[in-house]
All heavy atoms as atom14 arrays in JSON, in Angstrom:
{
  "sequence": "GALHLHELTRELELSAFVLFSSAAGTFGSSGQGNYAA",
  "atom14_mask": [
    [1, 1, 1, 1, 0, 0, 0, 0, 0, 0, 0, 0, 0, 0],
    [1, 1, 1, 1, 1, 0, 0, 0, 0, 0, 0, 0, 0, 0],
    [1, 1, 1, 1, 1, 1, 1, 1, 0, 0, 0, 0, 0, 0],
    [1, 1, 1, 1, 1, 1, 1, 1, 1, 1, 0, 0, 0, 0],
    [1, 1, 1, 1, 1, 1, 1, 1, 0, 0, 0, 0, 0, 0],
    [1, 1, 1, 1, 1, 1, 1, 1, 1, 1, 0, 0, 0, 0],
    [1, 1, 1, 1, 1, 1, 1, 1, 1, 0, 0, 0, 0, 0],
    [1, 1, 1, 1, 1, 1, 1, 1, 0, 0, 0, 0, 0, 0],
    [1, 1, 1, 1, 1, 1, 1, 0, 0, 0, 0, 0, 0, 0],
    [1, 1, 1, 1, 1, 1, 1, 1, 1, 1, 1, 0, 0, 0],
    [1, 1, 1, 1, 1, 1, 1, 1, 1, 0, 0, 0, 0, 0],
    [1, 1, 1, 1, 1, 1, 1, 1, 0, 0, 0, 0, 0, 0],
    [1, 1, 1, 1, 1, 1, 1, 1, 1, 0, 0, 0, 0, 0],
    [1, 1, 1, 1, 1, 1, 1, 1, 0, 0, 0, 0, 0, 0],
    [1, 1, 1, 1, 1, 1, 0, 0, 0, 0, 0, 0, 0, 0],
    [1, 1, 1, 1, 1, 0, 0, 0, 0, 0, 0, 0, 0, 0],
    [1, 1, 1, 1, 1, 1, 1, 1, 1, 1, 1, 0, 0, 0],
    [1, 1, 1, 1, 1, 1, 1, 0, 0, 0, 0, 0, 0, 0],
    [1, 1, 1, 1, 1, 1, 1, 1, 0, 0, 0, 0, 0, 0],
    [1, 1, 1, 1, 1, 1, 1, 1, 1, 1, 1, 0, 0, 0],
    [1, 1, 1, 1, 1, 1, 0, 0, 0, 0, 0, 0, 0, 0],
    [1, 1, 1, 1, 1, 1, 0, 0, 0, 0, 0, 0, 0, 0],
    [1, 1, 1, 1, 1, 0, 0, 0, 0, 0, 0, 0, 0, 0],
    [1, 1, 1, 1, 1, 0, 0, 0, 0, 0, 0, 0, 0, 0],
    [1, 1, 1, 1, 0, 0, 0, 0, 0, 0, 0, 0, 0, 0],
    [1, 1, 1, 1, 1, 1, 1, 0, 0, 0, 0, 0, 0, 0],
    [1, 1, 1, 1, 1, 1, 1, 1, 1, 1, 1, 0, 0, 0],
    [1, 1, 1, 1, 0, 0, 0, 0, 0, 0, 0, 0, 0, 0],
    [1, 1, 1, 1, 1, 1, 0, 0, 0, 0, 0, 0, 0, 0],
    [1, 1, 1, 1, 1, 1, 0, 0, 0, 0, 0, 0, 0, 0],
    [1, 1, 1, 1, 0, 0, 0, 0, 0, 0, 0, 0, 0, 0],
    [1, 1, 1, 1, 1, 1, 1, 1, 1, 0, 0, 0, 0, 0],
    [1, 1, 1, 1, 0, 0, 0, 0, 0, 0, 0, 0, 0, 0],
    [1, 1, 1, 1, 1, 1, 1, 1, 0, 0, 0, 0, 0, 0],
    [1, 1, 1, 1, 1, 1, 1, 1, 1, 1, 1, 1, 0, 0],
    [1, 1, 1, 1, 1, 0, 0, 0, 0, 0, 0, 0, 0, 0],
    [1, 1, 1, 1, 1, 0, 0, 0, 0, 0, 0, 0, 0, 0]
  ],
  "atom14_positions": [
    [[-2.7, 1.11, -7.97], [-3.7, 0.04, -7.61], [-4.3, 0.29, -6.25], [-5.61, 0.23, -6.09], [0.0, 0.0, 0.0], [0.0, 0.0, 0.0], [0.0, 0.0, 0.0], [0.0, 0.0, 0.0], [0.0, 0.0, 0.0], [0.0, 0.0, 0.0], [0.0, 0.0, 0.0], [0.0, 0.0, 0.0], [0.0, 0.0, 0.0], [0.0, 0.0, 0.0]],
    [[-3.52, 0.64, -5.25], [-4.09, 0.88, -3.89], [-4.94, 2.18, -3.89], [-6.01, 2.12, -3.24], [-2.9, 1.06, -2.93], [0.0, 0.0, 0.0], [0.0, 0.0, 0.0], [0.0, 0.0, 0.0], [0.0, 0.0, 0.0], [0.0, 0.0, 0.0], [0.0, 0.0, 0.0], [0.0, 0.0, 0.0], [0.0, 0.0, 0.0], [0.0, 0.0, 0.0]],
    [[-4.55, 3.17, -4.55], [-5.34, 4.41, -4.59], [-6.71, 4.18, -5.25], [-7.77, 4.67, -4.72], [-4.6, 5.53, -5.27], [-5.24, 6.91, -5.29], [-5.58, 7.41, -3.86], [-4.42, 7.93, -6.06], [0.0, 0.0, 0.0], [0.0, 0.0, 0.0], [0.0, 0.0, 0.0], [0.0, 0.0, 0.0], [0.0, 0.0, 0.0], [0.0, 0.0, 0.0]],
    [[-6.71, 3.48, -6.37], [-7.99, 3.17, -7.07], [-8.87, 2.36, -6.17], [-10.06, 2.6, -6.12], [-7.71, 2.46, -8.33], [-7.05, 3.31, -9.44], [-6.31, 2.8, -10.43], [-6.95, 4.68, -9.49], [-5.86, 3.8, -11.18], [-6.22, 4.91, -10.63], [0.0, 0.0, 0.0], [0.0, 0.0, 0.0], [0.0, 0.0, 0.0], [0.0, 0.0, 0.0]],
    [[-8.27, 1.4, -5.51], [-9.16, 0.49, -4.62], [-9.64, 1.31, -3.47], [-10.84, 1.16, -3.11], [-8.2, -0.67, -4.07], [-8.94, -1.77, -3.29], [-9.92, -2.5, -4.2], [-7.88, -2.67, -2.66], [0.0, 0.0, 0.0], [0.0, 0.0, 0.0], [0.0, 0.0, 0.0], [0.0, 0.0, 0.0], [0.0, 0.0, 0.0], [0.0, 0.0, 0.0]],
    [[-8.89, 2.22, -2.92], [-9.39, 3.12, -1.83], [-10.51, 3.98, -2.34], [-11.54, 4.09, -1.66], [-8.16, 3.99, -1.37], [-8.64, 5.2, -0.64], [-9.18, 5.2, 0.61], [-8.51, 6.55, -0.94], [-9.44, 6.39, 1.04], [-9.09, 7.27, 0.09], [0.0, 0.0, 0.0], [0.0, 0.0, 0.0], [0.0, 0.0, 0.0], [0.0, 0.0, 0.0]],
    [[-10.39, 4.57, -3.5], [-11.44, 5.47, -4.0], [-12.75, 4.75, -4.43], [-13.82, 5.2, -4.15], [-10.9, 6.27, -5.21], [-9.8, 7.22, -4.81], [-9.21, 7.97, -5.98], [-9.34, 7.4, -7.14], [-8.5, 8.97, -5.87], [0.0, 0.0, 0.0], [0.0, 0.0, 0.0], [0.0, 0.0, 0.0], [0.0, 0.0, 0.0], [0.0, 0.0, 0.0]],
    [[-12.53, 3.51, -4.92], [-13.71, 2.8, -5.36], [-14.44, 2.12, -4.3], [-15.65, 1.75, -4.52], [-13.22, 1.72, -6.42], [-12.76, 2.28, -7.77], [-12.08, 1.23, -8.58], [-13.88, 2.99, -8.54], [0.0, 0.0, 0.0], [0.0, 0.0, 0.0], [0.0, 0.0, 0.0], [0.0, 0.0, 0.0], [0.0, 0.0, 0.0], [0.0, 0.0, 0.0]],
    [[-13.87, 1.9, -3.11], [-14.58, 1.2, -2.07], [-14.81, 2.03, -0.86], [-15.33, 1.51, 0.13], [-13.7, -0.03, -1.61], [-12.43, 0.44, -1.07], [-13.4, -0.95, -2.8], [0.0, 0.0, 0.0], [0.0, 0.0, 0.0], [0.0, 0.0, 0.0], [0.0, 0.0, 0.0], [0.0, 0.0, 0.0], [0.0, 0.0, 0.0], [0.0, 0.0, 0.0]],
    [[-14.46, 3.31, -0.78], [-14.54, 4.04, 0.42], [-15.98, 4.2, 0.92], [-16.19, 4.44, 2.1], [-13.89, 5.4, 0.27], [-14.55, 6.31, -0.81], [-13.74, 7.59, -0.89], [-13.59, 8.23, 0.4], [-12.66, 9.18, 0.66], [-11.77, 9.48, -0.26], [-12.6, 9.71, 1.85], [0.0, 0.0, 0.0], [0.0, 0.0, 0.0], [0.0, 0.0, 0.0]],
    [[-16.93, 4.14, 0.03], [-18.36, 4.27, 0.44], [-18.98, 2.94, 0.79], [-20.14, 2.85, 1.23], [-19.15, 4.92, -0.72], [-18.64, 6.25, -1.19], [-18.63, 7.29, -0.03], [-19.52, 7.21, 0.9], [-17.74, 8.16, 0.01], [0.0, 0.0, 0.0], [0.0, 0.0, 0.0], [0.0, 0.0, 0.0], [0.0, 0.0, 0.0], [0.0, 0.0, 0.0]],
    [[-18.21, 1.83, 0.6], [-18.73, 0.5, 0.92], [-18.4, 0.19, 2.4], [-17.42, 0.7, 2.94], [-18.11, -0.51, 0.05], [-18.29, -0.31, -1.43], [-17.59, -1.47, -2.26], [-19.76, -0.24, -1.8], [0.0, 0.0, 0.0], [0.0, 0.0, 0.0], [0.0, 0.0, 0.0], [0.0, 0.0, 0.0], [0.0, 0.0, 0.0], [0.0, 0.0, 0.0]],
    [[-19.24, -0.62, 3.0], [-18.99, -1.07, 4.36], [-18.1, -2.28, 4.44], [-18.51, -3.43, 4.66], [-20.25, -1.23, 5.13], [-21.17, 0.0, 5.3], [-22.41, -0.29, 6.09], [-22.59, -1.41, 6.52], [-23.19, 0.66, 6.24], [0.0, 0.0, 0.0], [0.0, 0.0, 0.0], [0.0, 0.0, 0.0], [0.0, 0.0, 0.0], [0.0, 0.0, 0.0]],
    [[-16.82, -2.06, 4.17], [-15.79, -3.19, 4.17], [-15.54, -3.62, 5.58], [-15.53, -2.85, 6.56], [-14.57, -2.7, 3.52], [-14.62, -2.25, 2.03], [-13.21, -1.86, 1.56], [-15.22, -3.31, 1.11], [0.0, 0.0, 0.0], [0.0, 0.0, 0.0], [0.0, 0.0, 0.0], [0.0, 0.0, 0.0], [0.0, 0.0, 0.0], [0.0, 0.0, 0.0]],
    [[-15.29, -4.94, 5.7], [-14.81, -5.46, 6.96], [-13.28, -5.4, 7.09], [-12.77, -5.42, 8.2], [-15.23, -6.92, 7.16], [-14.67, -7.74, 6.09], [0.0, 0.0, 0.0], [0.0, 0.0, 0.0], [0.0, 0.0, 0.0], [0.0, 0.0, 0.0], [0.0, 0.0, 0.0], [0.0, 0.0, 0.0], [0.0, 0.0, 0.0], [0.0, 0.0, 0.0]],
    [[-12.58, -5.29, 6.05], [-11.17, -5.19, 6.02], [-10.66, -4.55, 4.73], [-11.28, -4.72, 3.67], [-10.51, -6.58, 6.2], [0.0, 0.0, 0.0], [0.0, 0.0, 0.0], [0.0, 0.0, 0.0], [0.0, 0.0, 0.0], [0.0, 0.0, 0.0], [0.0, 0.0, 0.0], [0.0, 0.0, 0.0], [0.0, 0.0, 0.0], [0.0, 0.0, 0.0]],
    [[-9.53, -3.82, 4.84], [-8.84, -3.31, 3.74], [-7.35, -3.5, 3.94], [-6.74, -2.83, 4.69], [-9.15, -1.78, 3.62], [-8.6, -1.05, 2.38], [-9.41, -0.92, 1.27], [-7.29, -0.67, 2.35], [-8.96, -0.27, 0.07], [-6.83, 0.02, 1.17], [-7.64, 0.18, 0.05], [0.0, 0.0, 0.0], [0.0, 0.0, 0.0], [0.0, 0.0, 0.0]],
    [[-6.82, -4.63, 3.32], [-5.51, -5.05, 3.62], [-4.53, -4.75, 2.45], [-4.76, -5.12, 1.32], [-5.5, -6.56, 3.89], [-4.13, -7.09, 4.31], [-6.52, -6.92, 4.98], [0.0, 0.0, 0.0], [0.0, 0.0, 0.0], [0.0, 0.0, 0.0], [0.0, 0.0, 0.0], [0.0, 0.0, 0.0], [0.0, 0.0, 0.0], [0.0, 0.0, 0.0]],
    [[-3.45, -4.12, 2.81], [-2.44, -3.74, 1.82], [-1.14, -4.56, 2.14], [-0.72, -4.7, 3.23], [-2.09, -2.25, 1.91], [-3.24, -1.24, 1.63], [-2.91, 0.17, 2.04], [-3.57, -1.31, 0.14], [0.0, 0.0, 0.0], [0.0, 0.0, 0.0], [0.0, 0.0, 0.0], [0.0, 0.0, 0.0], [0.0, 0.0, 0.0], [0.0, 0.0, 0.0]],
    [[-0.55, -5.13, 1.07], [0.69, -5.84, 1.19], [1.82, -4.84, 0.88], [2.1, -4.58, -0.29], [0.77, -7.02, 0.3], [0.17, -8.27, 0.92], [-0.8, -8.19, 1.84], [0.68, -9.5, 0.6], [-1.34, -9.36, 2.46], [0.15, -10.65, 1.2], [-0.89, -10.58, 2.1], [0.0, 0.0, 0.0], [0.0, 0.0, 0.0], [0.0, 0.0, 0.0]],
    [[2.49, -4.39, 1.92], [3.61, -3.45, 1.81], [4.94, -4.27, 2.01], [4.96, -5.43, 1.84], [3.44, -2.3, 2.83], [4.53, -1.45, 2.83], [0.0, 0.0, 0.0], [0.0, 0.0, 0.0], [0.0, 0.0, 0.0], [0.0, 0.0, 0.0], [0.0, 0.0, 0.0], [0.0, 0.0, 0.0], [0.0, 0.0, 0.0], [0.0, 0.0, 0.0]],
    [[5.98, -3.54, 2.29], [7.25, -4.16, 2.55], [8.01, -3.39, 3.64], [7.88, -2.17, 3.79], [8.08, -4.15, 1.24], [9.45, -4.51, 1.48], [0.0, 0.0, 0.0], [0.0, 0.0, 0.0], [0.0, 0.0, 0.0], [0.0, 0.0, 0.0], [0.0, 0.0, 0.0], [0.0, 0.0, 0.0], [0.0, 0.0, 0.0], [0.0, 0.0, 0.0]],
    [[8.81, -4.15, 4.39], [9.65, -3.56, 5.33], [10.62, -2.54, 4.73], [11.16, -1.65, 5.44], [10.49, -4.59, 6.08], [0.0, 0.0, 0.0], [0.0, 0.0, 0.0], [0.0, 0.0, 0.0], [0.0, 0.0, 0.0], [0.0, 0.0, 0.0], [0.0, 0.0, 0.0], [0.0, 0.0, 0.0], [0.0, 0.0, 0.0], [0.0, 0.0, 0.0]],
    [[10.84, -2.67, 3.39], [11.73, -1.65, 2.73], [11.14, -0.28, 2.86], [11.97, 0.74, 2.85], [11.78, -2.03, 1.27], [0.0, 0.0, 0.0], [0.0, 0.0, 0.0], [0.0, 0.0, 0.0], [0.0, 0.0, 0.0], [0.0, 0.0, 0.0], [0.0, 0.0, 0.0], [0.0, 0.0, 0.0], [0.0, 0.0, 0.0], [0.0, 0.0, 0.0]],
    [[9.82, -0.12, 3.01], [9.23, 1.26, 3.25], [9.62, 1.86, 4.54], [9.61, 3.0, 4.72], [0.0, 0.0, 0.0], [0.0, 0.0, 0.0], [0.0, 0.0, 0.0], [0.0, 0.0, 0.0], [0.0, 0.0, 0.0], [0.0, 0.0, 0.0], [0.0, 0.0, 0.0], [0.0, 0.0, 0.0], [0.0, 0.0, 0.0], [0.0, 0.0, 0.0]],
    [[9.94, 1.05, 5.53], [10.32, 1.45, 6.82], [11.81, 1.63, 7.06], [12.4, 2.61, 7.48], [9.8, 0.52, 7.94], [8.38, 0.57, 7.84], [10.27, 1.0, 9.33], [0.0, 0.0, 0.0], [0.0, 0.0, 0.0], [0.0, 0.0, 0.0], [0.0, 0.0, 0.0], [0.0, 0.0, 0.0], [0.0, 0.0, 0.0], [0.0, 0.0, 0.0]],
    [[12.55, 0.55, 6.63], [14.03, 0.56, 6.84], [14.8, 1.03, 5.6], [15.98, 1.25, 5.77], [14.49, -0.83, 7.15], [13.88, -1.42, 8.38], [12.94, -2.45, 8.37], [14.19, -0.92, 9.66], [12.4, -2.99, 9.54], [13.65, -1.38, 10.85], [12.72, -2.44, 10.73], [0.0, 0.0, 0.0], [0.0, 0.0, 0.0], [0.0, 0.0, 0.0]],
    [[14.18, 1.11, 4.45], [14.92, 1.36, 3.23], [15.58, 0.05, 2.79], [15.58, -0.93, 3.48], [0.0, 0.0, 0.0], [0.0, 0.0, 0.0], [0.0, 0.0, 0.0], [0.0, 0.0, 0.0], [0.0, 0.0, 0.0], [0.0, 0.0, 0.0], [0.0, 0.0, 0.0], [0.0, 0.0, 0.0], [0.0, 0.0, 0.0], [0.0, 0.0, 0.0]],
    [[15.97, 0.04, 1.56], [16.58, -1.19, 0.98], [17.56, -0.77, -0.13], [17.18, -0.05, -1.05], [15.49, -2.12, 0.44], [16.04, -3.28, -0.08], [0.0, 0.0, 0.0], [0.0, 0.0, 0.0], [0.0, 0.0, 0.0], [0.0, 0.0, 0.0], [0.0, 0.0, 0.0], [0.0, 0.0, 0.0], [0.0, 0.0, 0.0], [0.0, 0.0, 0.0]],
    [[18.8, -1.29, -0.04], [19.81, -0.88, -0.99], [19.4, -1.16, -2.43], [18.99, -2.25, -2.72], [21.11, -1.66, -0.71], [21.61, -1.37, 0.57], [0.0, 0.0, 0.0], [0.0, 0.0, 0.0], [0.0, 0.0, 0.0], [0.0, 0.0, 0.0], [0.0, 0.0, 0.0], [0.0, 0.0, 0.0], [0.0, 0.0, 0.0], [0.0, 0.0, 0.0]],
    [[19.45, -0.08, -3.25], [19.13, -0.21, -4.62], [17.68, -0.31, -4.95], [17.26, -0.57, -6.08], [0.0, 0.0, 0.0], [0.0, 0.0, 0.0], [0.0, 0.0, 0.0], [0.0, 0.0, 0.0], [0.0, 0.0, 0.0], [0.0, 0.0, 0.0], [0.0, 0.0, 0.0], [0.0, 0.0, 0.0], [0.0, 0.0, 0.0], [0.0, 0.0, 0.0]],
    [[16.81, -0.09, -3.96], [15.39, -0.25, -4.17], [14.68, 1.1, -3.69], [13.58, 1.03, -3.01], [14.79, -1.41, -3.36], [15.29, -2.73, -3.98], [14.58, -3.91, -3.31], [14.35, -3.92, -2.13], [14.3, -4.96, -4.1], [0.0, 0.0, 0.0], [0.0, 0.0, 0.0], [0.0, 0.0, 0.0], [0.0, 0.0, 0.0], [0.0, 0.0, 0.0]],
    [[15.19, 2.21, -4.01], [14.61, 3.48, -3.61], [13.22, 3.64, -4.11], [12.3, 4.14, -3.4], [0.0, 0.0, 0.0], [0.0, 0.0, 0.0], [0.0, 0.0, 0.0], [0.0, 0.0, 0.0], [0.0, 0.0, 0.0], [0.0, 0.0, 0.0], [0.0, 0.0, 0.0], [0.0, 0.0, 0.0], [0.0, 0.0, 0.0], [0.0, 0.0, 0.0]],
    [[12.97, 3.18, -5.4], [11.58, 3.3, -5.98], [10.6, 2.38, -5.23], [9.51, 2.66, -4.86], [11.61, 3.06, -7.49], [12.43, 1.81, -7.88], [12.95, 1.06, -7.05], [12.47, 1.49, -9.1], [0.0, 0.0, 0.0], [0.0, 0.0, 0.0], [0.0, 0.0, 0.0], [0.0, 0.0, 0.0], [0.0, 0.0, 0.0], [0.0, 0.0, 0.0]],
    [[11.08, 1.15, -5.0], [10.28, 0.13, -4.33], [9.95, 0.6, -2.94], [8.81, 0.45, -2.4], [10.98, -1.21, -4.35], [10.17, -2.37, -3.73], [9.0, -2.83, -4.33], [10.57, -2.98, -2.63], [8.29, -3.85, -3.81], [9.87, -4.02, -2.05], [8.72, -4.48, -2.63], [8.03, -5.54, -2.06], [0.0, 0.0, 0.0], [0.0, 0.0, 0.0]],
    [[10.96, 1.11, -2.16], [10.8, 1.53, -0.77], [9.77, 2.67, -0.73], [8.87, 2.69, 0.18], [12.11, 2.0, -0.25], [0.0, 0.0, 0.0], [0.0, 0.0, 0.0], [0.0, 0.0, 0.0], [0.0, 0.0, 0.0], [0.0, 0.0, 0.0], [0.0, 0.0, 0.0], [0.0, 0.0, 0.0], [0.0, 0.0, 0.0], [0.0, 0.0, 0.0]],
    [[9.85, 3.62, -1.65], [8.95, 4.75, -1.68], [7.52, 4.32, -2.0], [6.54, 4.75, -1.4], [9.39, 5.79, -2.7], [0.0, 0.0, 0.0], [0.0, 0.0, 0.0], [0.0, 0.0, 0.0], [0.0, 0.0, 0.0], [0.0, 0.0, 0.0], [0.0, 0.0, 0.0], [0.0, 0.0, 0.0], [0.0, 0.0, 0.0], [0.0, 0.0, 0.0]]
  ]
}
């Protein structure tokens, strides 16, 4: 979803491009290797 949004809007003059990530991507999270990645 994020990659498609990036590719489809990169030529537009956006004021913001906001992604909702998770702290799991920074710290890791037990049992959530796929989600963290």
